[in-house]
Amino acid sequence: TYTHTVVAVTACPAGIAHTYMAAEALAKAGEEMGV
């Protein structure tokens, strides 16, 4: 169960590495916080 739901956008116009690094980090942090 989750206490909140958040939508986010990660972007890297020159490549993709930071896009996925940031996305996975946000999802992981959310799981730890119940979001």
PDB file of all heavy atoms in Angstrom:
ATOM      1  N   THR A   1       0.848  -1.191   0.000  1.00  0.00           N
ATOM      2  CA  THR A   1       0.000   0.000   0.000  1.00  0.00           C
ATOM      3  C   THR A   1       0.885   1.244   0.000  1.00  0.00           C
ATOM      4  O   THR A   1       2.007   1.218   0.497  1.00  0.00           O
ATOM      5  CB  THR A   1      -0.926   0.010   1.224  1.00  0.00           C
ATOM      6  OG1 THR A   1      -0.130  -0.010   2.418  1.00  0.00           O
ATOM      7  CG2 THR A   1      -1.860  -1.191   1.213  1.00  0.00           C
ATOM      8  N   TYR A   2       0.347   2.326  -0.552  1.00  0.00           N
ATOM      9  CA  TYR A   2       1.097   3.562  -0.669  1.00  0.00           C
ATOM     10  C   TYR A   2       0.329   4.709  -0.039  1.00  0.00           C
ATOM     11  O   TYR A   2      -0.901   4.782  -0.137  1.00  0.00           O
ATOM     12  CB  TYR A   2       1.383   3.872  -2.149  1.00  0.00           C
ATOM     13  CG  TYR A   2       2.220   2.830  -2.828  1.00  0.00           C
ATOM     14  CD1 TYR A   2       1.628   1.773  -3.530  1.00  0.00           C
ATOM     15  CD2 TYR A   2       3.608   2.863  -2.762  1.00  0.00           C
ATOM     16  CE1 TYR A   2       2.401   0.804  -4.142  1.00  0.00           C
ATOM     17  CE2 TYR A   2       4.390   1.897  -3.378  1.00  0.00           C
ATOM     18  CZ  TYR A   2       3.782   0.867  -4.064  1.00  0.00           C
ATOM     19  OH  TYR A   2       4.542  -0.108  -4.670  1.00  0.00           O
ATOM     20  N   THR A   3       1.066   5.608   0.585  1.00  0.00           N
ATOM     21  CA  THR A   3       0.428   6.766   1.221  1.00  0.00           C
ATOM     22  C   THR A   3       0.153   7.873   0.217  1.00  0.00           C
ATOM     23  O   THR A   3      -0.787   8.647   0.379  1.00  0.00           O
ATOM     24  CB  THR A   3       1.335   7.323   2.338  1.00  0.00           C
ATOM     25  OG1 THR A   3       2.609   7.687   1.774  1.00  0.00           O
ATOM     26  CG2 THR A   3       1.552   6.271   3.422  1.00  0.00           C
ATOM     27  N   HIS A   4       0.981   7.958  -0.823  1.00  0.00           N
ATOM     28  CA  HIS A   4       0.817   8.977  -1.845  1.00  0.00           C
ATOM     29  C   HIS A   4       1.245   8.412  -3.200  1.00  0.00           C
ATOM     30  O   HIS A   4       1.922   7.389  -3.282  1.00  0.00           O
ATOM     31  CB  HIS A   4       1.667  10.223  -1.548  1.00  0.00           C
ATOM     32  CG  HIS A   4       1.290  10.946  -0.300  1.00  0.00           C
ATOM     33  ND1 HIS A   4       1.710  10.554   0.957  1.00  0.00           N
ATOM     34  CD2 HIS A   4       0.499  12.041  -0.115  1.00  0.00           C
ATOM     35  CE1 HIS A   4       1.215  11.375   1.863  1.00  0.00           C
ATOM     36  NE2 HIS A   4       0.482  12.289   1.246  1.00  0.00           N
ATOM     37  N   THR A   5       0.850   9.127  -4.257  1.00  0.00           N
ATOM     38  CA  THR A   5       1.292   8.814  -5.606  1.00  0.00           C
ATOM     39  C   THR A   5       1.923  10.063  -6.208  1.00  0.00           C
ATOM     40  O   THR A   5       1.384  11.168  -6.069  1.00  0.00           O
ATOM     41  CB  THR A   5       0.123   8.362  -6.492  1.00  0.00           C
ATOM     42  OG1 THR A   5      -0.440   7.152  -5.958  1.00  0.00           O
ATOM     43  CG2 THR A   5       0.600   8.093  -7.920  1.00  0.00           C
ATOM     44  N   VAL A   6       3.066   9.890  -6.845  1.00  0.00           N
ATOM     45  CA  VAL A   6       3.789  11.007  -7.442  1.00  0.00           C
ATOM     46  C   VAL A   6       4.085  10.682  -8.898  1.00  0.00           C
ATOM     47  O   VAL A   6       4.441   9.548  -9.231  1.00  0.00           O
ATOM     48  CB  VAL A   6       5.115  11.272  -6.686  1.00  0.00           C
ATOM     49  CG1 VAL A   6       5.952  12.315  -7.415  1.00  0.00           C
ATOM     50  CG2 VAL A   6       4.837  11.719  -5.263  1.00  0.00           C
ATOM     51  N   VAL A   7       3.931  11.679  -9.782  1.00  0.00           N
ATOM     52  CA  VAL A   7       4.365  11.529 -11.167  1.00  0.00           C
ATOM     53  C   VAL A   7       5.575  12.414 -11.375  1.00  0.00           C
ATOM     54  O   VAL A   7       5.653  13.514 -10.816  1.00  0.00           O
ATOM     55  CB  VAL A   7       3.248  11.882 -12.171  1.00  0.00           C
ATOM     56  CG1 VAL A   7       2.111  10.884 -12.087  1.00  0.00           C
ATOM     57  CG2 VAL A   7       2.743  13.295 -11.965  1.00  0.00           C
ATOM     58  N   ALA A   8       6.526  11.932 -12.158  1.00  0.00           N
ATOM     59  CA  ALA A   8       7.765  12.677 -12.368  1.00  0.00           C
ATOM     60  C   ALA A   8       8.235  12.490 -13.805  1.00  0.00           C
ATOM     61  O   ALA A   8       7.817  11.557 -14.493  1.00  0.00           O
ATOM     62  CB  ALA A   8       8.835  12.201 -11.389  1.00  0.00           C
ATOM     63  N   VAL A   9       9.109  13.382 -14.241  1.00  0.00           N
ATOM     64  CA  VAL A   9       9.729  13.291 -15.557  1.00  0.00           C
ATOM     65  C   VAL A   9      11.232  13.433 -15.375  1.00  0.00           C
ATOM     66  O   VAL A   9      11.699  14.363 -14.708  1.00  0.00           O
ATOM     67  CB  VAL A   9       9.226  14.395 -16.510  1.00  0.00           C
ATOM     68  CG1 VAL A   9       9.983  14.333 -17.836  1.00  0.00           C
ATOM     69  CG2 VAL A   9       7.728  14.260 -16.751  1.00  0.00           C
ATOM     70  N   THR A  10      11.983  12.506 -15.940  1.00  0.00           N
ATOM     71  CA  THR A  10      13.438  12.642 -15.961  1.00  0.00           C
ATOM     72  C   THR A  10      13.853  12.795 -17.419  1.00  0.00           C
ATOM     73  O   THR A  10      13.251  12.189 -18.312  1.00  0.00           O
ATOM     74  CB  THR A  10      14.140  11.422 -15.336  1.00  0.00           C
ATOM     75  OG1 THR A  10      13.771  10.229 -16.043  1.00  0.00           O
ATOM     76  CG2 THR A  10      13.751  11.275 -13.878  1.00  0.00           C
ATOM     77  N   ALA A  11      14.865  13.600 -17.660  1.00  0.00           N
ATOM     78  CA  ALA A  11      15.225  13.896 -19.051  1.00  0.00           C
ATOM     79  C   ALA A  11      16.715  14.133 -19.209  1.00  0.00           C
ATOM     80  O   ALA A  11      17.387  14.618 -18.300  1.00  0.00           O
ATOM     81  CB  ALA A  11      14.464  15.131 -19.540  1.00  0.00           C
ATOM     82  N   CYS A  12      17.217  13.748 -20.385  1.00  0.00           N
ATOM     83  CA  CYS A  12      18.611  14.005 -20.752  1.00  0.00           C
ATOM     84  C   CYS A  12      18.630  14.187 -22.264  1.00  0.00           C
ATOM     85  O   CYS A  12      18.587  13.207 -23.003  1.00  0.00           O
ATOM     86  CB  CYS A  12      19.500  12.835 -20.335  1.00  0.00           C
ATOM     87  SG  CYS A  12      21.255  13.075 -20.705  1.00  0.00           S
ATOM     88  N   PRO A  13      18.645  15.425 -22.758  1.00  0.00           N
ATOM     89  CA  PRO A  13      18.538  15.664 -24.187  1.00  0.00           C
ATOM     90  C   PRO A  13      19.703  15.141 -25.004  1.00  0.00           C
ATOM     91  O   PRO A  13      19.584  14.918 -26.203  1.00  0.00           O
ATOM     92  CB  PRO A  13      18.444  17.194 -24.284  1.00  0.00           C
ATOM     93  CG  PRO A  13      19.101  17.687 -23.041  1.00  0.00           C
ATOM     94  CD  PRO A  13      18.764  16.678 -21.986  1.00  0.00           C
ATOM     95  N   ALA A  14      20.864  14.938 -24.375  1.00  0.00           N
ATOM     96  CA  ALA A  14      22.042  14.507 -25.121  1.00  0.00           C
ATOM     97  C   ALA A  14      22.280  13.009 -25.075  1.00  0.00           C
ATOM     98  O   ALA A  14      23.089  12.482 -25.821  1.00  0.00           O
ATOM     99  CB  ALA A  14      23.273  15.230 -24.579  1.00  0.00           C
ATOM    100  N   GLY A  15      21.601  12.295 -24.193  1.00  0.00           N
ATOM    101  CA  GLY A  15      21.837  10.864 -24.065  1.00  0.00           C
ATOM    102  C   GLY A  15      20.718  10.210 -23.289  1.00  0.00           C
ATOM    103  O   GLY A  15      19.587  10.669 -23.299  1.00  0.00           O
ATOM    104  N   ILE A  16      21.037   9.106 -22.583  1.00  0.00           N
ATOM    105  CA  ILE A  16      20.000   8.453 -21.799  1.00  0.00           C
ATOM    106  C   ILE A  16      20.469   8.034 -20.408  1.00  0.00           C
ATOM    107  O   ILE A  16      19.649   7.675 -19.569  1.00  0.00           O
ATOM    108  CB  ILE A  16      19.436   7.201 -22.516  1.00  0.00           C
ATOM    109  CG1 ILE A  16      20.520   6.127 -22.662  1.00  0.00           C
ATOM    110  CG2 ILE A  16      18.840   7.565 -23.850  1.00  0.00           C
ATOM    111  CD1 ILE A  16      19.997   4.832 -23.210  1.00  0.00           C
ATOM    112  N   ALA A  17      21.763   8.064 -20.147  1.00  0.00           N
ATOM    113  CA  ALA A  17      22.282   7.529 -18.892  1.00  0.00           C
ATOM    114  C   ALA A  17      21.651   8.194 -17.677  1.00  0.00           C
ATOM    115  O   ALA A  17      21.106   7.527 -16.793  1.00  0.00           O
ATOM    116  CB  ALA A  17      23.801   7.676 -18.852  1.00  0.00           C
ATOM    117  N   HIS A  18      21.723   9.531 -17.604  1.00  0.00           N
ATOM    118  CA  HIS A  18      21.175  10.217 -16.442  1.00  0.00           C
ATOM    119  C   HIS A  18      19.665  10.053 -16.348  1.00  0.00           C
ATOM    120  O   HIS A  18      19.095  10.049 -15.248  1.00  0.00           O
ATOM    121  CB  HIS A  18      21.545  11.701 -16.492  1.00  0.00           C
ATOM    122  CG  HIS A  18      22.970  11.976 -16.141  1.00  0.00           C
ATOM    123  ND1 HIS A  18      23.910  12.284 -17.083  1.00  0.00           N
ATOM    124  CD2 HIS A  18      23.619  11.959 -14.953  1.00  0.00           C
ATOM    125  CE1 HIS A  18      25.087  12.465 -16.495  1.00  0.00           C
ATOM    126  NE2 HIS A  18      24.940  12.270 -15.213  1.00  0.00           N
ATOM    127  N   THR A  19      18.987   9.921 -17.483  1.00  0.00           N
ATOM    128  CA  THR A  19      17.545   9.725 -17.484  1.00  0.00           C
ATOM    129  C   THR A  19      17.170   8.504 -16.663  1.00  0.00           C
ATOM    130  O   THR A  19      16.283   8.554 -15.801  1.00  0.00           O
ATOM    131  CB  THR A  19      17.033   9.547 -18.931  1.00  0.00           C
ATOM    132  OG1 THR A  19      17.397  10.685 -19.698  1.00  0.00           O
ATOM    133  CG2 THR A  19      15.531   9.373 -18.967  1.00  0.00           C
ATOM    134  N   TYR A  20      17.829   7.391 -16.921  1.00  0.00           N
ATOM    135  CA  TYR A  20      17.492   6.145 -16.237  1.00  0.00           C
ATOM    136  C   TYR A  20      18.036   6.099 -14.820  1.00  0.00           C
ATOM    137  O   TYR A  20      17.408   5.528 -13.923  1.00  0.00           O
ATOM    138  CB  TYR A  20      17.977   4.946 -17.065  1.00  0.00           C
ATOM    139  CG  TYR A  20      17.073   4.677 -18.238  1.00  0.00           C
ATOM    140  CD1 TYR A  20      17.220   5.385 -19.425  1.00  0.00           C
ATOM    141  CD2 TYR A  20      16.033   3.764 -18.160  1.00  0.00           C
ATOM    142  CE1 TYR A  20      16.378   5.178 -20.499  1.00  0.00           C
ATOM    143  CE2 TYR A  20      15.187   3.541 -19.225  1.00  0.00           C
ATOM    144  CZ  TYR A  20      15.362   4.250 -20.393  1.00  0.00           C
ATOM    145  OH  TYR A  20      14.505   4.047 -21.454  1.00  0.00           O
ATOM    146  N   MET A  21      19.203   6.688 -14.599  1.00  0.00           N
ATOM    147  CA  MET A  21      19.738   6.757 -13.247  1.00  0.00           C
ATOM    148  C   MET A  21      18.767   7.499 -12.328  1.00  0.00           C
ATOM    149  O   MET A  21      18.449   7.049 -11.225  1.00  0.00           O
ATOM    150  CB  MET A  21      21.102   7.466 -13.248  1.00  0.00           C
ATOM    151  CG  MET A  21      22.234   6.666 -13.836  1.00  0.00           C
ATOM    152  SD  MET A  21      23.741   7.664 -14.036  1.00  0.00           S
ATOM    153  CE  MET A  21      24.111   8.052 -12.321  1.00  0.00           C
ATOM    154  N   ALA A  22      18.285   8.649 -12.795  1.00  0.00           N
ATOM    155  CA  ALA A  22      17.370   9.452 -11.979  1.00  0.00           C
ATOM    156  C   ALA A  22      16.040   8.745 -11.783  1.00  0.00           C
ATOM    157  O   ALA A  22      15.475   8.748 -10.683  1.00  0.00           O
ATOM    158  CB  ALA A  22      17.158  10.815 -12.643  1.00  0.00           C
ATOM    159  N   ALA A  23      15.519   8.126 -12.839  1.00  0.00           N
ATOM    160  CA  ALA A  23      14.226   7.444 -12.741  1.00  0.00           C
ATOM    161  C   ALA A  23      14.272   6.302 -11.733  1.00  0.00           C
ATOM    162  O   ALA A  23      13.370   6.153 -10.896  1.00  0.00           O
ATOM    163  CB  ALA A  23      13.811   6.927 -14.119  1.00  0.00           C
ATOM    164  N   GLU A  24      15.308   5.486 -11.808  1.00  0.00           N
ATOM    165  CA  GLU A  24      15.422   4.366 -10.882  1.00  0.00           C
ATOM    166  C   GLU A  24      15.616   4.847  -9.450  1.00  0.00           C
ATOM    167  O   GLU A  24      15.089   4.266  -8.501  1.00  0.00           O
ATOM    168  CB  GLU A  24      16.582   3.458 -11.304  1.00  0.00           C
ATOM    169  CG  GLU A  24      16.340   2.712 -12.602  1.00  0.00           C
ATOM    170  CD  GLU A  24      15.187   1.733 -12.500  1.00  0.00           C
ATOM    171  OE1 GLU A  24      15.094   1.019 -11.483  1.00  0.00           O
ATOM    172  OE2 GLU A  24      14.374   1.689 -13.430  1.00  0.00           O
ATOM    173  N   ALA A  25      16.384   5.922  -9.282  1.00  0.00           N
ATOM    174  CA  ALA A  25      16.612   6.463  -7.940  1.00  0.00           C
ATOM    175  C   ALA A  25      15.311   6.983  -7.337  1.00  0.00           C
ATOM    176  O   ALA A  25      15.031   6.780  -6.146  1.00  0.00           O
ATOM    177  CB  ALA A  25      17.656   7.571  -7.987  1.00  0.00           C
ATOM    178  N   LEU A  26      14.491   7.661  -8.135  1.00  0.00           N
ATOM    179  CA  LEU A  26      13.208   8.171  -7.647  1.00  0.00           C
ATOM    180  C   LEU A  26      12.271   7.028  -7.255  1.00  0.00           C
ATOM    181  O   LEU A  26      11.621   7.079  -6.205  1.00  0.00           O
ATOM    182  CB  LEU A  26      12.553   9.039  -8.726  1.00  0.00           C
ATOM    183  CG  LEU A  26      13.150  10.428  -8.949  1.00  0.00           C
ATOM    184  CD1 LEU A  26      12.571  11.049 -10.211  1.00  0.00           C
ATOM    185  CD2 LEU A  26      12.900  11.330  -7.745  1.00  0.00           C
ATOM    186  N   ALA A  27      12.199   6.009  -8.115  1.00  0.00           N
ATOM    187  CA  ALA A  27      11.322   4.880  -7.831  1.00  0.00           C
ATOM    188  C   ALA A  27      11.762   4.148  -6.562  1.00  0.00           C
ATOM    189  O   ALA A  27      10.941   3.757  -5.733  1.00  0.00           O
ATOM    190  CB  ALA A  27      11.296   3.924  -9.023  1.00  0.00           C
ATOM    191  N   LYS A  28      13.070   3.979  -6.419  1.00  0.00           N
ATOM    192  CA  LYS A  28      13.598   3.290  -5.238  1.00  0.00           C
ATOM    193  C   LYS A  28      13.313   4.073  -3.965  1.00  0.00           C
ATOM    194  O   LYS A  28      12.878   3.517  -2.957  1.00  0.00           O
ATOM    195  CB  LYS A  28      15.101   3.073  -5.398  1.00  0.00           C
ATOM    196  CG  LYS A  28      15.761   2.370  -4.225  1.00  0.00           C
ATOM    197  CD  LYS A  28      17.249   2.191  -4.466  1.00  0.00           C
ATOM    198  CE  LYS A  28      17.923   1.534  -3.268  1.00  0.00           C
ATOM    199  NZ  LYS A  28      19.378   1.369  -3.488  1.00  0.00           N
ATOM    200  N   ALA A  29      13.548   5.389  -4.018  1.00  0.00           N
ATOM    201  CA  ALA A  29      13.283   6.225  -2.841  1.00  0.00           C
ATOM    202  C   ALA A  29      11.803   6.212  -2.491  1.00  0.00           C
ATOM    203  O   ALA A  29      11.423   6.174  -1.311  1.00  0.00           O
ATOM    204  CB  ALA A  29      13.750   7.654  -3.103  1.00  0.00           C
ATOM    205  N   GLY A  30      10.957   6.230  -3.520  1.00  0.00           N
ATOM    206  CA  GLY A  30       9.525   6.182  -3.272  1.00  0.00           C
ATOM    207  C   GLY A  30       9.098   4.901  -2.574  1.00  0.00           C
ATOM    208  O   GLY A  30       8.291   4.928  -1.640  1.00  0.00           O
ATOM    209  N   GLU A  31       9.646   3.774  -3.024  1.00  0.00           N
ATOM    210  CA  GLU A  31       9.314   2.491  -2.391  1.00  0.00           C
ATOM    211  C   GLU A  31       9.690   2.497  -0.916  1.00  0.00           C
ATOM    212  O   GLU A  31       8.955   2.009  -0.061  1.00  0.00           O
ATOM    213  CB  GLU A  31      10.040   1.348  -3.106  1.00  0.00           C
ATOM    214  CG  GLU A  31       9.488   1.003  -4.468  1.00  0.00           C
ATOM    215  CD  GLU A  31       8.083   0.436  -4.393  1.00  0.00           C
ATOM    216  OE1 GLU A  31       7.793  -0.314  -3.444  1.00  0.00           O
ATOM    217  OE2 GLU A  31       7.274   0.756  -5.273  1.00  0.00           O
ATOM    218  N   GLU A  32      10.843   3.064  -0.609  1.00  0.00           N
ATOM    219  CA  GLU A  32      11.297   3.105   0.779  1.00  0.00           C
ATOM    220  C   GLU A  32      10.409   3.989   1.650  1.00  0.00           C
ATOM    221  O   GLU A  32      10.274   3.754   2.856  1.00  0.00           O
ATOM    222  CB  GLU A  32      12.743   3.602   0.834  1.00  0.00           C
ATOM    223  CG  GLU A  32      13.732   2.647   0.184  1.00  0.00           C
ATOM    224  CD  GLU A  32      15.134   3.228   0.100  1.00  0.00           C
ATOM    225  OE1 GLU A  32      15.298   4.429   0.427  1.00  0.00           O
ATOM    226  OE2 GLU A  32      16.071   2.486  -0.274  1.00  0.00           O
ATOM    227  N   MET A  33       9.781   4.994   1.031  1.00  0.00           N
ATOM    228  CA  MET A  33       8.943   5.939   1.770  1.00  0.00           C
ATOM    229  C   MET A  33       7.459   5.607   1.692  1.00  0.00           C
ATOM    230  O   MET A  33       6.625   6.319   2.253  1.00  0.00           O
ATOM    231  CB  MET A  33       9.171   7.353   1.222  1.00  0.00           C
ATOM    232  CG  MET A  33      10.594   7.849   1.368  1.00  0.00           C
ATOM    233  SD  MET A  33      10.870   9.417   0.488  1.00  0.00           S
ATOM    234  CE  MET A  33       9.765  10.503   1.400  1.00  0.00           C
ATOM    235  N   GLY A  34       7.117   4.529   0.978  1.00  0.00           N
ATOM    236  CA  GLY A  34       5.714   4.177   0.835  1.00  0.00           C
ATOM    237  C   GLY A  34       4.983   5.061  -0.147  1.00  0.00           C
ATOM    238  O   GLY A  34       3.759   5.220  -0.076  1.00  0.00           O
ATOM    239  N   VAL A  35       5.719   5.646  -1.099  1.00  0.00           N
ATOM    240  CA  VAL A  35       5.133   6.527  -2.110  1.00  0.00           C
ATOM    241  C   VAL A  35       5.286   5.860  -3.477  1.00  0.00           C
ATOM    242  O   VAL A  35       6.376   5.445  -3.856  1.00  0.00           O
ATOM    243  CB  VAL A  35       5.831   7.900  -2.124  1.00  0.00           C
ATOM    244  CG1 VAL A  35       5.288   8.762  -3.258  1.00  0.00           C
ATOM    245  CG2 VAL A  35       5.660   8.594  -0.783  1.00  0.00           C
TER     246      VAL A  35
END
